[in-house]
Amino acid sequence: MSRLKISAALRAVIAAIARSRACMINAGLRVVGGPVLPPQRPPSPDGELDVGNGSGGALIAFYGDPSEAQQFEPSIARRTKRIGAEVDRHGAVTVVWIAAAASVRRGVRACVSP
């Protein structure tokens, strides 16, 4: 097998995912997911987290470049509108809120840095 080469941008995304995951777990949220290795292009974020507490949740997509997140935001919004979800993008991070309780929203917003 050949060695997997991870770019500096992807290393930064992996670090952001790890920080966000630890913060949300400390806030009492259930978190699954992580980096997508090797990146599955196109179209795939560099990492994803599925967050919840039993009363709704959020899907969080992490991209290495804010322009990628911006490019994919309209198609994500179209696909999730059917289920009544909301899309919220902050720089290179896109959050899809799925019937998320206020406590989930607070935890995610406090832990996910754009």
PDB file of N, CA and C in Angstrom:
ATOM      1  N   MET A   1       0.838  -1.184   0.000  1.00  0.00           N
ATOM      2  CA  MET A   1       0.000   0.000   0.000  1.00  0.00           C
ATOM      3  C   MET A   1       0.875   1.237   0.000  1.00  0.00           C
ATOM      4  N   SER A   2       0.407   2.231  -0.723  1.00  0.00           N
ATOM      5  CA  SER A   2       1.143   3.484  -0.719  1.00  0.00           C
ATOM      6  C   SER A   2       0.734   4.303   0.502  1.00  0.00           C
ATOM      7  N   ARG A   3       1.616   5.160   0.883  1.00  0.00           N
ATOM      8  CA  ARG A   3       1.402   5.992   2.057  1.00  0.00           C
ATOM      9  C   ARG A   3       0.412   7.109   1.743  1.00  0.00           C
ATOM     10  N   LEU A   4      -0.497   7.376   2.649  1.00  0.00           N
ATOM     11  CA  LEU A   4      -1.485   8.433   2.477  1.00  0.00           C
ATOM     12  C   LEU A   4      -0.826   9.776   2.760  1.00  0.00           C
ATOM     13  N   LYS A   5      -0.921  10.690   1.807  1.00  0.00           N
ATOM     14  CA  LYS A   5      -0.352  12.026   1.979  1.00  0.00           C
ATOM     15  C   LYS A   5      -1.463  12.975   2.403  1.00  0.00           C
ATOM     16  N   ILE A   6      -1.267  13.626   3.530  1.00  0.00           N
ATOM     17  CA  ILE A   6      -2.275  14.546   4.061  1.00  0.00           C
ATOM     18  C   ILE A   6      -1.729  15.962   3.971  1.00  0.00           C
ATOM     19  N   SER A   7      -2.453  16.819   3.256  1.00  0.00           N
ATOM     20  CA  SER A   7      -2.028  18.202   3.060  1.00  0.00           C
ATOM     21  C   SER A   7      -2.154  18.996   4.357  1.00  0.00           C
ATOM     22  N   ALA A   8      -1.508  20.141   4.385  1.00  0.00           N
ATOM     23  CA  ALA A   8      -1.592  21.021   5.557  1.00  0.00           C
ATOM     24  C   ALA A   8      -3.036  21.481   5.783  1.00  0.00           C
ATOM     25  N   ALA A   9      -3.753  21.749   4.699  1.00  0.00           N
ATOM     26  CA  ALA A   9      -5.152  22.181   4.826  1.00  0.00           C
ATOM     27  C   ALA A   9      -5.999  21.076   5.446  1.00  0.00           C
ATOM     28  N   LEU A  10      -5.781  19.842   5.017  1.00  0.00           N
ATOM     29  CA  LEU A  10      -6.554  18.729   5.570  1.00  0.00           C
ATOM     30  C   LEU A  10      -6.170  18.478   7.027  1.00  0.00           C
ATOM     31  N   ARG A  11      -4.905  18.652   7.363  1.00  0.00           N
ATOM     32  CA  ARG A  11      -4.486  18.524   8.771  1.00  0.00           C
ATOM     33  C   ARG A  11      -5.215  19.548   9.644  1.00  0.00           C
ATOM     34  N   ALA A  12      -5.383  20.763   9.117  1.00  0.00           N
ATOM     35  CA  ALA A  12      -6.097  21.805   9.863  1.00  0.00           C
ATOM     36  C   ALA A  12      -7.562  21.423  10.066  1.00  0.00           C
ATOM     37  N   VAL A  13      -8.182  20.833   9.041  1.00  0.00           N
ATOM     38  CA  VAL A  13      -9.576  20.392   9.154  1.00  0.00           C
ATOM     39  C   VAL A  13      -9.683  19.272  10.194  1.00  0.00           C
ATOM     40  N   ILE A  14      -8.754  18.329  10.154  1.00  0.00           N
ATOM     41  CA  ILE A  14      -8.768  17.219  11.106  1.00  0.00           C
ATOM     42  C   ILE A  14      -8.638  17.757  12.542  1.00  0.00           C
ATOM     43  N   ALA A  15      -7.789  18.745  12.741  1.00  0.00           N
ATOM     44  CA  ALA A  15      -7.628  19.349  14.071  1.00  0.00           C
ATOM     45  C   ALA A  15      -8.910  20.062  14.503  1.00  0.00           C
ATOM     46  N   ALA A  16      -9.556  20.768  13.575  1.00  0.00           N
ATOM     47  CA  ALA A  16     -10.818  21.463  13.896  1.00  0.00           C
ATOM     48  C   ALA A  16     -11.908  20.462  14.264  1.00  0.00           C
ATOM     49  N   ILE A  17     -11.964  19.357  13.555  1.00  0.00           N
ATOM     50  CA  ILE A  17     -12.949  18.317  13.864  1.00  0.00           C
ATOM     51  C   ILE A  17     -12.685  17.753  15.258  1.00  0.00           C
ATOM     52  N   ALA A  18     -11.431  17.468  15.569  1.00  0.00           N
ATOM     53  CA  ALA A  18     -11.084  16.907  16.880  1.00  0.00           C
ATOM     54  C   ALA A  18     -11.445  17.871  18.010  1.00  0.00           C
ATOM     55  N   ARG A  19     -11.144  19.162  17.843  1.00  0.00           N
ATOM     56  CA  ARG A  19     -11.493  20.164  18.864  1.00  0.00           C
ATOM     57  C   ARG A  19     -13.004  20.257  19.044  1.00  0.00           C
ATOM     58  N   SER A  20     -13.715  20.317  17.924  1.00  0.00           N
ATOM     59  CA  SER A  20     -15.178  20.433  17.977  1.00  0.00           C
ATOM     60  C   SER A  20     -15.797  19.202  18.631  1.00  0.00           C
ATOM     61  N   ARG A  21     -15.316  18.035  18.256  1.00  0.00           N
ATOM     62  CA  ARG A  21     -15.830  16.781  18.814  1.00  0.00           C
ATOM     63  C   ARG A  21     -15.640  16.749  20.328  1.00  0.00           C
ATOM     64  N   ALA A  22     -14.438  17.043  20.801  1.00  0.00           N
ATOM     65  CA  ALA A  22     -14.158  17.009  22.239  1.00  0.00           C
ATOM     66  C   ALA A  22     -15.030  18.016  22.990  1.00  0.00           C
ATOM     67  N   CYS A  23     -15.182  19.200  22.437  1.00  0.00           N
ATOM     68  CA  CYS A  23     -15.996  20.235  23.074  1.00  0.00           C
ATOM     69  C   CYS A  23     -17.457  19.796  23.182  1.00  0.00           C
ATOM     70  N   MET A  24     -18.001  19.239  22.112  1.00  0.00           N
ATOM     71  CA  MET A  24     -19.407  18.828  22.124  1.00  0.00           C
ATOM     72  C   MET A  24     -19.641  17.640  23.049  1.00  0.00           C
ATOM     73  N   ILE A  25     -18.700  16.714  23.103  1.00  0.00           N
ATOM     74  CA  ILE A  25     -18.826  15.590  24.038  1.00  0.00           C
ATOM     75  C   ILE A  25     -18.815  16.117  25.467  1.00  0.00           C
ATOM     76  N   ASN A  26     -17.931  17.081  25.749  1.00  0.00           N
ATOM     77  CA  ASN A  26     -17.891  17.688  27.088  1.00  0.00           C
ATOM     78  C   ASN A  26     -19.180  18.438  27.410  1.00  0.00           C
ATOM     79  N   ALA A  27     -19.897  18.883  26.371  1.00  0.00           N
ATOM     80  CA  ALA A  27     -21.180  19.575  26.564  1.00  0.00           C
ATOM     81  C   ALA A  27     -22.339  18.588  26.693  1.00  0.00           C
ATOM     82  N   GLY A  28     -22.038  17.292  26.666  1.00  0.00           N
ATOM     83  CA  GLY A  28     -23.066  16.276  26.852  1.00  0.00           C
ATOM     84  C   GLY A  28     -23.770  15.833  25.592  1.00  0.00           C
ATOM     85  N   LEU A  29     -23.214  16.176  24.435  1.00  0.00           N
ATOM     86  CA  LEU A  29     -23.833  15.780  23.178  1.00  0.00           C
ATOM     87  C   LEU A  29     -23.236  14.473  22.677  1.00  0.00           C
ATOM     88  N   ARG A  30     -24.027  13.719  21.953  1.00  0.00           N
ATOM     89  CA  ARG A  30     -23.559  12.492  21.305  1.00  0.00           C
ATOM     90  C   ARG A  30     -22.977  12.903  19.964  1.00  0.00           C
ATOM     91  N   VAL A  31     -21.759  12.458  19.684  1.00  0.00           N
ATOM     92  CA  VAL A  31     -21.072  12.856  18.454  1.00  0.00           C
ATOM     93  C   VAL A  31     -20.496  11.617  17.773  1.00  0.00           C
ATOM     94  N   VAL A  32     -20.779  11.461  16.486  1.00  0.00           N
ATOM     95  CA  VAL A  32     -20.160  10.405  15.685  1.00  0.00           C
ATOM     96  C   VAL A  32     -19.653  11.041  14.387  1.00  0.00           C
ATOM     97  N   GLY A  33     -18.686  10.391  13.788  1.00  0.00           N
ATOM     98  CA  GLY A  33     -18.139  10.879  12.526  1.00  0.00           C
ATOM     99  C   GLY A  33     -16.706  11.317  12.689  1.00  0.00           C
ATOM    100  N   GLY A  34     -16.171  11.921  11.652  1.00  0.00           N
ATOM    101  CA  GLY A  34     -14.792  12.381  11.669  1.00  0.00           C
ATOM    102  C   GLY A  34     -14.338  12.757  10.277  1.00  0.00           C
ATOM    103  N   PRO A  35     -13.017  12.748  10.071  1.00  0.00           N
ATOM    104  CA  PRO A  35     -12.479  13.109   8.756  1.00  0.00           C
ATOM    105  C   PRO A  35     -12.870  12.084   7.697  1.00  0.00           C
ATOM    106  N   VAL A  36     -12.906  12.528   6.455  1.00  0.00           N
ATOM    107  CA  VAL A  36     -13.146  11.656   5.319  1.00  0.00           C
ATOM    108  C   VAL A  36     -11.790  11.443   4.655  1.00  0.00           C
ATOM    109  N   LEU A  37     -11.223  10.245   4.832  1.00  0.00           N
ATOM    110  CA  LEU A  37      -9.886   9.960   4.315  1.00  0.00           C
ATOM    111  C   LEU A  37      -9.903   8.759   3.391  1.00  0.00           C
ATOM    112  N   PRO A  38      -9.239   8.814   2.271  1.00  0.00           N
ATOM    113  CA  PRO A  38      -8.807  10.060   1.641  1.00  0.00           C
ATOM    114  C   PRO A  38     -10.030  10.833   1.192  1.00  0.00           C
ATOM    115  N   PRO A  39      -9.874  12.133   0.986  1.00  0.00           N
ATOM    116  CA  PRO A  39     -11.043  12.922   0.581  1.00  0.00           C
ATOM    117  C   PRO A  39     -11.736  12.304  -0.628  1.00  0.00           C
ATOM    118  N   GLN A  40     -13.041  12.164  -0.508  1.00  0.00           N
ATOM    119  CA  GLN A  40     -13.851  11.567  -1.574  1.00  0.00           C
ATOM    120  C   GLN A  40     -14.364  12.697  -2.453  1.00  0.00           C
ATOM    121  N   ARG A  41     -13.647  12.990  -3.479  1.00  0.00           N
ATOM    122  CA  ARG A  41     -14.006  14.103  -4.353  1.00  0.00           C
ATOM    123  C   ARG A  41     -14.587  13.579  -5.643  1.00  0.00           C
ATOM    124  N   PRO A  42     -15.418  14.353  -6.282  1.00  0.00           N
ATOM    125  CA  PRO A  42     -16.343  15.319  -5.745  1.00  0.00           C
ATOM    126  C   PRO A  42     -17.655  14.665  -5.397  1.00  0.00           C
ATOM    127  N   PRO A  43     -18.616  15.248  -4.839  1.00  0.00           N
ATOM    128  CA  PRO A  43     -18.502  16.323  -3.862  1.00  0.00           C
ATOM    129  C   PRO A  43     -18.578  15.720  -2.456  1.00  0.00           C
ATOM    130  N   SER A  44     -17.644  16.007  -1.668  1.00  0.00           N
ATOM    131  CA  SER A  44     -17.631  15.503  -0.304  1.00  0.00           C
ATOM    132  C   SER A  44     -16.877  16.483   0.579  1.00  0.00           C
ATOM    133  N   PRO A  45     -17.387  16.713   1.779  1.00  0.00           N
ATOM    134  CA  PRO A  45     -16.611  17.544   2.709  1.00  0.00           C
ATOM    135  C   PRO A  45     -15.375  16.764   3.166  1.00  0.00           C
ATOM    136  N   ASP A  46     -14.460  17.466   3.794  1.00  0.00           N
ATOM    137  CA  ASP A  46     -13.245  16.826   4.309  1.00  0.00           C
ATOM    138  C   ASP A  46     -13.516  16.077   5.607  1.00  0.00           C
ATOM    139  N   GLY A  47     -14.654  16.339   6.215  1.00  0.00           N
ATOM    140  CA  GLY A  47     -15.040  15.628   7.419  1.00  0.00           C
ATOM    141  C   GLY A  47     -16.468  15.964   7.783  1.00  0.00           C
ATOM    142  N   GLU A  48     -17.099  15.071   8.546  1.00  0.00           N
ATOM    143  CA  GLU A  48     -18.488  15.272   8.959  1.00  0.00           C
ATOM    144  C   GLU A  48     -18.675  14.783  10.387  1.00  0.00           C
ATOM    145  N   LEU A  49     -19.510  15.493  11.120  1.00  0.00           N
ATOM    146  CA  LEU A  49     -19.916  15.051  12.449  1.00  0.00           C
ATOM    147  C   LEU A  49     -21.435  15.039  12.498  1.00  0.00           C
ATOM    148  N   ASP A  50     -21.988  14.024  13.138  1.00  0.00           N
ATOM    149  CA  ASP A  50     -23.422  13.880  13.374  1.00  0.00           C
ATOM    150  C   ASP A  50     -23.593  14.077  14.875  1.00  0.00           C
ATOM    151  N   VAL A  51     -24.361  15.090  15.258  1.00  0.00           N
ATOM    152  CA  VAL A  51     -24.450  15.499  16.658  1.00  0.00           C
ATOM    153  C   VAL A  51     -25.897  15.471  17.123  1.00  0.00           C
ATOM    154  N   GLY A  52     -26.117  15.038  18.360  1.00  0.00           N
ATOM    155  CA  GLY A  52     -27.462  15.061  18.896  1.00  0.00           C
ATOM    156  C   GLY A  52     -27.499  14.775  20.378  1.00  0.00           C
ATOM    157  N   ASN A  53     -28.699  14.835  20.928  1.00  0.00           N
ATOM    158  CA  ASN A  53     -28.901  14.503  22.336  1.00  0.00           C
ATOM    159  C   ASN A  53     -30.209  13.764  22.543  1.00  0.00           C
ATOM    160  N   GLY A  54     -30.730  13.175  21.489  1.00  0.00           N
ATOM    161  CA  GLY A  54     -31.985  12.442  21.590  1.00  0.00           C
ATOM    162  C   GLY A  54     -33.188  13.260  21.186  1.00  0.00           C
ATOM    163  N   SER A  55     -33.021  14.560  21.034  1.00  0.00           N
ATOM    164  CA  SER A  55     -34.136  15.422  20.619  1.00  0.00           C
ATOM    165  C   SER A  55     -33.698  16.253  19.423  1.00  0.00           C
ATOM    166  N   GLY A  56     -33.479  15.610  18.316  1.00  0.00           N
ATOM    167  CA  GLY A  56     -33.017  16.305  17.120  1.00  0.00           C
ATOM    168  C   GLY A  56     -31.508  16.386  17.108  1.00  0.00           C
ATOM    169  N   GLY A  57     -30.996  17.040  16.105  1.00  0.00           N
ATOM    170  CA  GLY A  57     -29.553  17.129  16.028  1.00  0.00           C
ATOM    171  C   GLY A  57     -29.070  17.982  14.890  1.00  0.00           C
ATOM    172  N   ALA A  58     -27.811  17.759  14.547  1.00  0.00           N
ATOM    173  CA  ALA A  58     -27.175  18.522  13.482  1.00  0.00           C
ATOM    174  C   ALA A  58     -26.175  17.645  12.742  1.00  0.00           C
ATOM    175  N   LEU A  59     -26.057  17.897  11.460  1.00  0.00           N
ATOM    176  CA  LEU A  59     -25.003  17.307  10.647  1.00  0.00           C
ATOM    177  C   LEU A  59     -24.052  18.447  10.325  1.00  0.00           C
ATOM    178  N   ILE A  60     -22.782  18.251  10.621  1.00  0.00           N
ATOM    179  CA  ILE A  60     -21.799  19.314  10.435  1.00  0.00           C
ATOM    180  C   ILE A  60     -20.786  18.864   9.392  1.00  0.00           C
ATOM    181  N   ALA A  61     -20.618  19.661   8.337  1.00  0.00           N
ATOM    182  CA  ALA A  61     -19.653  19.371   7.282  1.00  0.00           C
ATOM    183  C   ALA A  61     -18.495  20.358   7.403  1.00  0.00           C
ATOM    184  N   PHE A  62     -17.286  19.823   7.405  1.00  0.00           N
ATOM    185  CA  PHE A  62     -16.074  20.633   7.498  1.00  0.00           C
ATOM    186  C   PHE A  62     -15.354  20.596   6.149  1.00  0.00           C
ATOM    187  N   TYR A  63     -14.987  21.754   5.641  1.00  0.00           N
ATOM    188  CA  TYR A  63     -14.258  21.867   4.382  1.00  0.00           C
ATOM    189  C   TYR A  63     -12.922  22.558   4.641  1.00  0.00           C
ATOM    190  N   GLY A  64     -11.934  22.259   3.819  1.00  0.00           N
ATOM    191  CA  GLY A  64     -10.631  22.894   3.954  1.00  0.00           C
ATOM    192  C   GLY A  64     -10.606  24.306   3.422  1.00  0.00           C
ATOM    193  N   ASP A  65     -11.627  24.668   2.657  1.00  0.00           N
ATOM    194  CA  ASP A  65     -11.659  25.974   2.003  1.00  0.00           C
ATOM    195  C   ASP A  65     -13.086  26.524   2.082  1.00  0.00           C
ATOM    196  N   PRO A  66     -13.252  27.752   2.588  1.00  0.00           N
ATOM    197  CA  PRO A  66     -14.604  28.334   2.672  1.00  0.00           C
ATOM    198  C   PRO A  66     -15.308  28.409   1.321  1.00  0.00           C
ATOM    199  N   SER A  67     -14.556  28.557   0.228  1.00  0.00           N
ATOM    200  CA  SER A  67     -15.211  28.634  -1.082  1.00  0.00           C
ATOM    201  C   SER A  67     -15.865  27.303  -1.461  1.00  0.00           C
ATOM    202  N   GLU A  68     -15.307  26.186  -0.997  1.00  0.00           N
ATOM    203  CA  GLU A  68     -15.943  24.879  -1.231  1.00  0.00           C
ATOM    204  C   GLU A  68     -17.265  24.802  -0.485  1.00  0.00           C
ATOM    205  N   ALA A  69     -17.266  25.228   0.767  1.00  0.00           N
ATOM    206  CA  ALA A  69     -18.502  25.212   1.559  1.00  0.00           C
ATOM    207  C   ALA A  69     -19.555  26.094   0.898  1.00  0.00           C
ATOM    208  N   GLN A  70     -19.144  27.236   0.410  1.00  0.00           N
ATOM    209  CA  GLN A  70     -20.062  28.156  -0.260  1.00  0.00           C
ATOM    210  C   GLN A  70     -20.612  27.533  -1.544  1.00  0.00           C
ATOM    211  N   GLN A  71     -19.762  26.845  -2.282  1.00  0.00           N
ATOM    212  CA  GLN A  71     -20.171  26.207  -3.536  1.00  0.00           C
ATOM    213  C   GLN A  71     -21.231  25.130  -3.305  1.00  0.00           C
ATOM    214  N   PHE A  72     -21.083  24.332  -2.245  1.00  0.00           N
ATOM    215  CA  PHE A  72     -22.000  23.223  -1.998  1.00  0.00           C
ATOM    216  C   PHE A  72     -23.248  23.622  -1.206  1.00  0.00           C
ATOM    217  N   GLU A  73     -23.234  24.790  -0.585  1.00  0.00           N
ATOM    218  CA  GLU A  73     -24.356  25.205   0.268  1.00  0.00           C
ATOM    219  C   GLU A  73     -25.710  25.191  -0.447  1.00  0.00           C
ATOM    220  N   PRO A  74     -25.837  25.738  -1.660  1.00  0.00           N
ATOM    221  CA  PRO A  74     -27.162  25.736  -2.304  1.00  0.00           C
ATOM    222  C   PRO A  74     -27.727  24.325  -2.538  1.00  0.00           C
ATOM    223  N   SER A  75     -26.892  23.389  -2.963  1.00  0.00           N
ATOM    224  CA  SER A  75     -27.415  22.038  -3.200  1.00  0.00           C
ATOM    225  C   SER A  75     -27.770  21.348  -1.886  1.00  0.00           C
ATOM    226  N   ILE A  76     -27.009  21.609  -0.838  1.00  0.00           N
ATOM    227  CA  ILE A  76     -27.342  21.058   0.484  1.00  0.00           C
ATOM    228  C   ILE A  76     -28.678  21.619   0.949  1.00  0.00           C
ATOM    229  N   ALA A  77     -28.869  22.921   0.782  1.00  0.00           N
ATOM    230  CA  ALA A  77     -30.125  23.563   1.201  1.00  0.00           C
ATOM    231  C   ALA A  77     -31.311  22.986   0.437  1.00  0.00           C
ATOM    232  N   ARG A  78     -31.158  22.764  -0.864  1.00  0.00           N
ATOM    233  CA  ARG A  78     -32.254  22.191  -1.665  1.00  0.00           C
ATOM    234  C   ARG A  78     -32.611  20.783  -1.181  1.00  0.00           C
ATOM    235  N   ARG A  79     -31.582  19.964  -0.943  1.00  0.00           N
ATOM    236  CA  ARG A  79     -31.837  18.576  -0.541  1.00  0.00           C
ATOM    237  C   ARG A  79     -32.438  18.487   0.858  1.00  0.00           C
ATOM    238  N   THR A  80     -32.042  19.351   1.757  1.00  0.00           N
ATOM    239  CA  THR A  80     -32.522  19.243   3.132  1.00  0.00           C
ATOM    240  C   THR A  80     -33.842  19.973   3.363  1.00  0.00           C
ATOM    241  N   LYS A  81     -34.224  20.849   2.457  1.00  0.00           N
ATOM    242  CA  LYS A  81     -35.489  21.585   2.603  1.00  0.00           C
ATOM    243  C   LYS A  81     -36.673  20.628   2.667  1.00  0.00           C
ATOM    244  N   ARG A  82     -36.574  19.504   1.929  1.00  0.00           N
ATOM    245  CA  ARG A  82     -37.661  18.523   1.883  1.00  0.00           C
ATOM    246  C   ARG A  82     -37.998  17.959   3.255  1.00  0.00           C
ATOM    247  N   ILE A  83     -37.006  17.891   4.142  1.00  0.00           N
ATOM    248  CA  ILE A  83     -37.248  17.319   5.473  1.00  0.00           C
ATOM    249  C   ILE A  83     -37.400  18.401   6.541  1.00  0.00           C
ATOM    250  N   GLY A  84     -37.479  19.653   6.108  1.00  0.00           N
ATOM    251  CA  GLY A  84     -37.689  20.743   7.053  1.00  0.00           C
ATOM    252  C   GLY A  84     -36.449  21.148   7.830  1.00  0.00           C
ATOM    253  N   ALA A  85     -35.291  20.777   7.325  1.00  0.00           N
ATOM    254  CA  ALA A  85     -34.039  21.133   7.998  1.00  0.00           C
ATOM    255  C   ALA A  85     -33.604  22.539   7.584  1.00  0.00           C
ATOM    256  N   GLU A  86     -32.781  23.137   8.411  1.00  0.00           N
ATOM    257  CA  GLU A  86     -32.220  24.459   8.125  1.00  0.00           C
ATOM    258  C   GLU A  86     -30.725  24.319   7.881  1.00  0.00           C
ATOM    259  N   VAL A  87     -30.197  25.161   7.007  1.00  0.00           N
ATOM    260  CA  VAL A  87     -28.764  25.153   6.716  1.00  0.00           C
ATOM    261  C   VAL A  87     -28.158  26.461   7.189  1.00  0.00           C
ATOM    262  N   ASP A  88     -27.031  26.347   7.847  1.00  0.00           N
ATOM    263  CA  ASP A  88     -26.336  27.490   8.419  1.00  0.00           C
ATOM    264  C   ASP A  88     -24.854  27.330   8.084  1.00  0.00           C
ATOM    265  N   ARG A  89     -24.275  28.260   7.329  1.00  0.00           N
ATOM    266  CA  ARG A  89     -22.860  28.135   6.972  1.00  0.00           C
ATOM    267  C   ARG A  89     -22.058  29.247   7.628  1.00  0.00           C
ATOM    268  N   HIS A  90     -20.912  28.864   8.152  1.00  0.00           N
ATOM    269  CA  HIS A  90     -19.982  29.801   8.776  1.00  0.00           C
ATOM    270  C   HIS A  90     -18.591  29.507   8.226  1.00  0.00           C
ATOM    271  N   GLY A  91     -18.165  30.280   7.253  1.00  0.00           N
ATOM    272  CA  GLY A  91     -16.854  30.046   6.663  1.00  0.00           C
ATOM    273  C   GLY A  91     -16.792  28.682   6.011  1.00  0.00           C
ATOM    274  N   ALA A  92     -15.869  27.846   6.477  1.00  0.00           N
ATOM    275  CA  ALA A  92     -15.649  26.527   5.891  1.00  0.00           C
ATOM    276  C   ALA A  92     -16.465  25.429   6.559  1.00  0.00           C
ATOM    277  N   VAL A  93     -17.438  25.817   7.382  1.00  0.00           N
ATOM    278  CA  VAL A  93     -18.260  24.842   8.107  1.00  0.00           C
ATOM    279  C   VAL A  93     -19.728  25.054   7.737  1.00  0.00           C
ATOM    280  N   THR A  94     -20.404  23.953   7.381  1.00  0.00           N
ATOM    281  CA  THR A  94     -21.831  23.999   7.090  1.00  0.00           C
ATOM    282  C   THR A  94     -22.550  23.122   8.104  1.00  0.00           C
ATOM    283  N   VAL A  95     -23.596  23.677   8.728  1.00  0.00           N
ATOM    284  CA  VAL A  95     -24.379  22.935   9.718  1.00  0.00           C
ATOM    285  C   VAL A  95     -25.797  22.773   9.177  1.00  0.00           C
ATOM    286  N   VAL A  96     -26.286  21.532   9.201  1.00  0.00           N
ATOM    287  CA  VAL A  96     -27.675  21.236   8.845  1.00  0.00           C
ATOM    288  C   VAL A  96     -28.378  20.902  10.154  1.00  0.00           C
ATOM    289  N   TRP A  97     -29.336  21.745  10.532  1.00  0.00           N
ATOM    290  CA  TRP A  97     -30.099  21.552  11.772  1.00  0.00           C
ATOM    291  C   TRP A  97     -31.319  20.705  11.459  1.00  0.00           C
ATOM    292  N   ILE A  98     -31.459  19.590  12.165  1.00  0.00           N
ATOM    293  CA  ILE A  98     -32.594  18.690  11.947  1.00  0.00           C
ATOM    294  C   ILE A  98     -33.380  18.612  13.248  1.00  0.00           C
ATOM    295  N   ALA A  99     -34.446  19.408  13.318  1.00  0.00           N
ATOM    296  CA  ALA A  99     -35.282  19.452  14.521  1.00  0.00           C
ATOM    297  C   ALA A  99     -34.420  19.552  15.780  1.00  0.00           C
ATOM    298  N   ALA A 100     -33.407  20.379  15.728  1.00  0.00           N
ATOM    299  CA  ALA A 100     -32.452  20.482  16.836  1.00  0.00           C
ATOM    300  C   ALA A 100     -33.021  21.305  17.988  1.00  0.00           C
ATOM    301  N   ALA A 101     -32.931  20.734  19.169  1.00  0.00           N
ATOM    302  CA  ALA A 101     -33.342  21.434  20.381  1.00  0.00           C
ATOM    303  C   ALA A 101     -32.380  22.589  20.646  1.00  0.00           C
ATOM    304  N   ALA A 102     -32.831  23.542  21.445  1.00  0.00           N
ATOM    305  CA  ALA A 102     -32.003  24.703  21.777  1.00  0.00           C
ATOM    306  C   ALA A 102     -30.679  24.290  22.409  1.00  0.00           C
ATOM    307  N   SER A 103     -30.682  23.242  23.219  1.00  0.00           N
ATOM    308  CA  SER A 103     -29.448  22.807  23.876  1.00  0.00           C
ATOM    309  C   SER A 103     -28.437  22.273  22.860  1.00  0.00           C
ATOM    310  N   VAL A 104     -28.920  21.603  21.825  1.00  0.00           N
ATOM    311  CA  VAL A 104     -28.033  21.112  20.775  1.00  0.00           C
ATOM    312  C   VAL A 104     -27.457  22.299  20.006  1.00  0.00           C
ATOM    313  N   ARG A 105     -28.301  23.238  19.653  1.00  0.00           N
ATOM    314  CA  ARG A 105     -27.843  24.430  18.922  1.00  0.00           C
ATOM    315  C   ARG A 105     -26.790  25.193  19.720  1.00  0.00           C
ATOM    316  N   ARG A 106     -27.044  25.376  21.001  1.00  0.00           N
ATOM    317  CA  ARG A 106     -26.061  26.080  21.840  1.00  0.00           C
ATOM    318  C   ARG A 106     -24.738  25.338  21.873  1.00  0.00           C
ATOM    319  N   GLY A 107     -24.796  24.029  22.073  1.00  0.00           N
ATOM    320  CA  GLY A 107     -23.577  23.236  22.151  1.00  0.00           C
ATOM    321  C   GLY A 107     -22.779  23.260  20.863  1.00  0.00           C
ATOM    322  N   VAL A 108     -23.468  23.109  19.746  1.00  0.00           N
ATOM    323  CA  VAL A 108     -22.787  23.124  18.447  1.00  0.00           C
ATOM    324  C   VAL A 108     -22.188  24.500  18.183  1.00  0.00           C
ATOM    325  N   ARG A 109     -22.973  25.541  18.373  1.00  0.00           N
ATOM    326  CA  ARG A 109     -22.474  26.901  18.109  1.00  0.00           C
ATOM    327  C   ARG A 109     -21.277  27.251  18.995  1.00  0.00           C
ATOM    328  N   ALA A 110     -21.296  26.787  20.237  1.00  0.00           N
ATOM    329  CA  ALA A 110     -20.185  27.085  21.143  1.00  0.00           C
ATOM    330  C   ALA A 110     -18.923  26.321  20.769  1.00  0.00           C
ATOM    331  N   CYS A 111     -19.071  25.202  20.098  1.00  0.00           N
ATOM    332  CA  CYS A 111     -17.923  24.303  19.868  1.00  0.00           C
ATOM    333  C   CYS A 111     -17.375  24.316  18.446  1.00  0.00           C
ATOM    334  N   VAL A 112     -18.155  24.756  17.492  1.00  0.00           N
ATOM    335  CA  VAL A 112     -17.702  24.722  16.098  1.00  0.00           C
ATOM    336  C   VAL A 112     -17.228  26.104  15.702  1.00  0.00           C
ATOM    337  N   SER A 113     -15.948  26.196  15.450  1.00  0.00           N
ATOM    338  CA  SER A 113     -15.361  27.472  15.037  1.00  0.00           C
ATOM    339  C   SER A 113     -15.258  27.507  13.531  1.00  0.00           C
ATOM    340  N   PRO A 114     -15.685  28.605  12.935  1.00  0.00           N
ATOM    341  CA  PRO A 114     -15.534  28.717  11.474  1.00  0.00           C
ATOM    342  C   PRO A 114     -14.077  28.790  11.082  1.00  0.00           C
TER     343      PRO A 114
END
